């Protein structure tokens, strides 16, 4: 199985509009962060988690021409606003695309993108075609078996996902005690860590490191990073098994 970080930035991306800080002006490509998403490939399945505003650009950059499913973590704009570009995969594959998420996320998708779930308003209208699957337990996409991992983003429930020994937990400020058993044995963990200093709805880097120390994965990658995180400077301060993710990074699982 392979994992590709399609995007690793926070909701405003990096560089941030109108900012002249060192990171936003950096020429290090690892500091150029589109909104957070990952792709997962196996021999029989290709899956994306979240469709951020740069979804089309991320897919083009990765050379992805087929998807067998899209998983959503939650309803915030930086995780869903590339939804309309699903329609190109409908054209390529000739069928609706399966979409998975918590029941409240699926309900929100159907509300926000209502036009995709209603009859066309005029002939020739092109829109995404999806089959929605509310997730309340493990589910299968091709040869990939996913388990939802409930986490908290402030007070907002967010769905993390585990597949095999890999887990992806973005937009996280707390891992509830009930979710800890779902992460036992995880060897590669991706965890959101917004910045070095505290934030009310995201782990800071020290808080993420504390969670990693409790979960004890073999390796961990921090994502959903703000412009307060300079890749080269911050990565030097991390434990040997913890790394900063960056757009385009690929992992073998």
Protein backbone atom coordinates (compact mmCIF):
# COMPACT_ATOMS: atom_id res chain seq x y z
CA UNK A 1 0.00 0.00 0.00
CA UNK A 2 1.17 3.53 -0.77
CA UNK A 3 0.16 6.84 0.78
CA UNK A 4 0.68 10.21 -0.85
CA UNK A 5 0.25 13.53 0.93
CA UNK A 6 -1.80 15.49 -1.57
CA UNK A 7 -1.83 18.57 0.67
CA UNK A 8 -0.48 19.34 4.15
CA UNK A 9 -1.60 22.90 4.89
CA UNK A 10 -4.13 24.46 7.21
CA UNK A 11 -7.36 26.10 6.04
CA UNK A 12 -5.67 29.18 4.53
CA UNK A 13 -2.80 27.28 2.91
CA UNK A 14 0.84 28.32 2.81
CA UNK A 15 1.83 30.85 1.51
CA UNK A 16 -1.01 32.73 3.13
CA UNK A 17 -2.64 35.61 1.22
CA UNK A 18 -1.01 38.94 2.06
CA UNK A 19 1.66 37.51 4.38
CA UNK A 20 5.33 38.41 4.09
CA UNK A 21 6.70 36.13 6.79
CA UNK A 22 9.78 33.95 6.30
CA UNK A 23 7.77 30.79 5.64
CA UNK A 24 5.31 32.39 3.23
CA UNK A 25 8.24 33.83 1.25
CA UNK A 26 10.27 30.61 1.49
CA UNK A 27 11.69 29.00 -1.65
CA UNK A 28 11.72 25.59 0.09
CA UNK A 29 8.98 23.61 -1.73
CA UNK A 30 8.21 21.78 1.52
CA UNK A 31 6.87 25.09 2.86
CA UNK A 32 4.35 25.40 0.00
CA UNK A 33 1.26 23.70 1.41
CA UNK A 34 -2.09 23.20 -0.26
CA UNK A 35 -5.05 22.22 1.91
CA UNK A 36 -4.80 18.84 3.61
CA UNK A 37 -5.67 15.56 1.89
CA UNK A 38 -4.09 12.16 1.28
CA UNK A 39 -4.35 9.47 -1.38
CA UNK A 40 -4.06 5.76 -0.65
CA UNK A 41 -3.28 3.13 -3.32
CA UNK A 42 -3.24 -0.63 -3.18
CA UNK A 43 -3.24 -3.32 -5.87
CA UNK A 44 -7.02 -3.09 -6.22
CA UNK A 45 -8.12 0.33 -4.97
CA UNK A 46 -7.36 4.04 -5.19
CA UNK A 47 -8.87 6.24 -2.49
CA UNK A 48 -8.74 9.94 -1.53
CA UNK A 49 -9.43 11.31 1.93
CA UNK A 50 -11.09 14.75 1.59
CA UNK A 51 -11.49 17.00 -1.46
CA UNK A 52 -9.95 20.37 -0.56
CA UNK A 53 -10.22 23.47 -2.79
CA UNK A 54 -7.05 22.40 -4.67
CA UNK A 55 -8.39 18.87 -5.30
CA UNK A 56 -8.13 19.18 -9.10
CA UNK A 57 -4.58 20.53 -8.97
CA UNK A 58 -3.50 17.90 -6.45
CA UNK A 59 -4.90 15.07 -8.58
CA UNK A 60 -3.20 16.43 -11.72
CA UNK A 61 0.11 16.72 -9.89
CA UNK A 62 -0.17 13.14 -8.62
CA UNK A 63 -1.25 11.75 -11.99
CA UNK A 64 -4.38 10.11 -10.57
CA UNK A 65 -6.85 9.03 -13.26
CA UNK A 66 -9.08 6.64 -11.30
CA UNK A 67 -10.73 6.69 -7.88
CA UNK A 68 -12.63 3.87 -6.20
CA UNK A 69 -13.85 5.95 -3.29
CA UNK A 70 -13.62 9.24 -1.42
CA UNK A 71 -13.63 9.40 2.37
CA UNK A 72 -14.55 12.60 4.19
CA UNK A 73 -13.33 13.58 7.65
CA UNK A 74 -15.71 16.49 8.31
CA UNK A 75 -17.61 19.31 6.66
CA UNK A 76 -15.24 22.28 6.88
CA UNK A 77 -14.66 24.14 3.62
CA UNK A 78 -10.95 23.31 3.37
CA UNK A 79 -11.85 19.60 3.32
CA UNK A 80 -14.84 19.52 0.94
CA UNK A 81 -14.79 22.45 -1.49
CA UNK A 82 -13.15 20.49 -4.31
CA UNK A 83 -16.23 18.21 -4.42
CA UNK A 84 -17.43 19.44 -7.81
CA UNK A 85 -14.31 18.10 -9.53
CA UNK A 86 -15.46 14.55 -8.76
CA UNK A 87 -17.48 14.82 -11.99
CA UNK A 88 -14.35 14.38 -14.11
CA UNK A 89 -13.87 10.92 -12.56
CA UNK A 90 -17.51 10.15 -13.39
CA UNK A 91 -16.73 10.96 -17.03
CA UNK A 92 -13.57 8.83 -17.00
CA UNK A 93 -15.10 5.87 -15.23
CA UNK A 94 -18.69 6.04 -16.47
CA UNK A 95 -20.28 5.53 -13.06
CA UNK A 96 -21.07 7.28 -9.77
CA UNK A 97 -18.26 7.43 -7.21
CA UNK A 98 -18.74 5.95 -3.71
CA UNK A 99 -18.43 8.59 -0.97
CA UNK A 100 -18.01 7.70 2.71
CA UNK A 101 -18.24 9.72 5.92
CA UNK A 102 -19.94 9.98 9.28
CA UNK A 103 -23.75 10.29 8.97
CA UNK A 104 -23.68 14.00 9.88
CA UNK A 105 -20.92 14.62 7.32
CA UNK A 106 -22.82 12.84 4.56
CA UNK A 107 -25.96 14.79 5.47
CA UNK A 108 -23.97 18.02 5.25
CA UNK A 109 -22.44 17.06 1.88
CA UNK A 110 -25.94 16.47 0.51
CA UNK A 111 -27.03 19.86 1.84
CA UNK A 112 -24.02 21.94 0.76
CA UNK A 113 -23.89 20.37 -2.72
CA UNK A 114 -27.62 19.96 -3.08
CA UNK A 115 -27.46 20.46 -6.86
CA UNK A 116 -25.59 17.15 -7.18
CA UNK A 117 -28.45 15.23 -5.59
CA UNK A 118 -31.36 16.82 -7.47
CA UNK A 119 -32.52 16.51 -11.09
CA UNK A 120 -30.61 18.80 -13.52
CA UNK A 121 -32.07 22.28 -13.75
CA UNK A 122 -31.27 22.49 -17.46
CA UNK A 123 -30.22 20.08 -20.23
CA UNK A 124 -26.50 19.37 -20.51
CA UNK A 125 -25.73 20.24 -16.90
CA UNK A 126 -22.60 18.47 -15.64
CA UNK A 127 -22.46 17.62 -11.95
CA UNK A 128 -20.81 15.12 -9.63
CA UNK A 129 -22.48 11.71 -9.45
CA UNK A 130 -21.90 9.93 -6.15
CA UNK A 131 -23.32 7.15 -4.02
CA UNK A 132 -23.22 8.13 -0.36
CA UNK A 133 -22.45 5.66 2.42
CA UNK A 134 -22.83 6.85 6.03
CA UNK A 135 -20.04 5.22 8.04
CA UNK A 136 -20.67 3.85 11.52
CA UNK A 137 -18.22 0.95 11.50
CA UNK A 138 -15.54 -0.72 9.35
CA UNK A 139 -16.08 -0.78 5.58
CA UNK A 140 -14.32 -2.07 2.49
CA UNK A 141 -13.08 -0.28 -0.64
CA UNK A 142 -11.56 -2.83 -2.99
CA UNK A 143 -8.93 -4.66 -0.95
CA UNK A 144 -8.67 -1.82 1.61
CA UNK A 145 -10.56 -2.24 4.89
CA UNK A 146 -11.09 1.05 6.71
CA UNK A 147 -12.12 1.62 10.32
CA UNK A 148 -13.44 5.04 11.40
CA UNK A 149 -11.67 6.60 14.39
CA UNK A 150 -13.75 9.33 16.12
CA UNK A 151 -11.70 12.35 17.22
CA UNK A 152 -12.49 15.92 18.25
CA UNK A 153 -11.70 19.22 16.51
CA UNK A 154 -12.59 21.54 19.37
CA UNK A 155 -16.19 20.49 19.99
CA UNK A 156 -16.72 19.26 16.42
CA UNK A 157 -16.64 15.49 15.84
CA UNK A 158 -14.21 14.52 13.08
CA UNK A 159 -13.65 11.09 11.56
CA UNK A 160 -10.12 9.77 11.39
CA UNK A 161 -9.45 6.60 9.43
CA UNK A 162 -7.36 3.51 10.03
CA UNK A 163 -6.41 1.03 7.31
CA UNK A 164 -4.15 -1.80 8.38
CA UNK A 165 -1.21 -0.44 10.36
CA UNK A 166 -1.78 3.13 9.07
CA UNK A 167 -3.97 5.85 10.61
CA UNK A 168 -4.83 9.37 9.45
CA UNK A 169 -6.09 11.86 12.06
CA UNK A 170 -6.31 15.41 10.78
CA UNK A 171 -7.95 18.46 12.44
CA UNK A 172 -7.52 16.94 15.87
CA UNK A 173 -7.45 18.58 19.29
CA UNK A 174 -8.34 15.48 21.30
CA UNK A 175 -8.35 11.72 20.86
CA UNK A 176 -11.17 10.46 23.09
CA UNK A 177 -10.36 7.59 25.43
CA UNK A 178 -12.88 5.40 23.61
CA UNK A 179 -10.88 5.80 20.37
CA UNK A 180 -7.51 4.79 21.82
CA UNK A 181 -8.14 1.02 21.43
CA UNK A 182 -8.88 1.64 17.73
CA UNK A 183 -5.31 2.89 17.34
CA UNK A 184 -3.53 0.04 19.10
CA UNK A 185 -0.80 -1.43 16.93
CA UNK A 186 -0.69 1.48 14.48
CA UNK A 187 2.81 1.65 13.01
CA UNK A 188 2.47 4.75 10.83
CA UNK A 189 0.42 7.62 12.24
CA UNK A 190 -0.44 10.91 10.53
CA UNK A 191 -1.60 13.53 13.00
CA UNK A 192 -2.64 17.16 12.61
CA UNK A 193 -0.36 19.66 14.39
CA UNK A 194 -1.15 23.24 13.48
CA UNK A 195 1.73 25.23 14.99
CA UNK A 196 4.19 25.34 17.91
CA UNK A 197 1.81 27.29 20.17
CA UNK A 198 -1.60 26.23 21.55
CA UNK A 199 -4.81 26.56 19.54
CA UNK A 200 -8.37 25.93 20.78
CA UNK A 201 -9.33 23.43 18.04
CA UNK A 202 -6.05 21.87 16.87
CA UNK A 203 -3.17 20.06 18.49
CA UNK A 204 -0.07 22.19 18.79
CA UNK A 205 3.16 20.43 17.88
CA UNK A 206 4.00 19.70 21.57
CA UNK A 207 0.47 18.31 22.11
CA UNK A 208 0.77 16.14 19.01
CA UNK A 209 4.13 14.83 20.20
CA UNK A 210 2.60 13.93 23.55
CA UNK A 211 -0.17 11.98 21.78
CA UNK A 212 2.41 10.21 19.62
CA UNK A 213 4.38 9.26 22.73
CA UNK A 214 1.22 7.68 24.20
CA UNK A 215 0.29 5.80 21.01
CA UNK A 216 3.85 4.65 20.28
CA UNK A 217 3.74 4.26 16.47
CA UNK A 218 6.93 3.21 14.74
CA UNK A 219 6.85 6.49 12.81
CA UNK A 220 4.61 9.56 12.72
CA UNK A 221 4.06 12.46 10.35
CA UNK A 222 2.61 15.86 11.25
CA UNK A 223 0.21 17.53 8.82
CA UNK A 224 -2.30 20.41 8.59
CA UNK A 225 0.60 22.80 9.21
CA UNK A 226 0.38 26.58 9.35
CA UNK A 227 2.81 29.26 8.18
CA UNK A 228 4.30 29.27 11.69
CA UNK A 229 6.05 25.99 10.83
CA UNK A 230 9.26 26.26 8.82
CA UNK A 231 9.99 22.75 7.57
CA UNK A 232 13.75 22.64 7.94
CA UNK A 233 13.88 24.47 11.28
CA UNK A 234 11.05 22.59 13.01
CA UNK A 235 11.88 19.11 11.74
CA UNK A 236 15.33 19.36 13.34
CA UNK A 237 13.62 19.65 16.75
CA UNK A 238 11.44 16.54 16.41
CA UNK A 239 12.09 13.07 17.85
CA UNK A 240 13.87 10.65 15.48
CA UNK A 241 10.67 8.84 14.51
CA UNK A 242 8.56 11.97 13.89
CA UNK A 243 8.63 13.97 10.66
CA UNK A 244 6.86 16.89 9.04
CA UNK A 245 4.77 15.85 6.07
CA UNK A 246 4.93 17.91 2.88
CA UNK A 247 2.93 18.05 -0.34
CA UNK A 248 3.91 15.18 -2.63
CA UNK A 249 5.59 13.03 0.03
CA UNK A 250 4.92 9.32 -0.60
CA UNK A 251 5.12 6.50 1.92
CA UNK A 252 5.26 2.74 1.54
CA UNK A 253 3.10 1.07 4.20
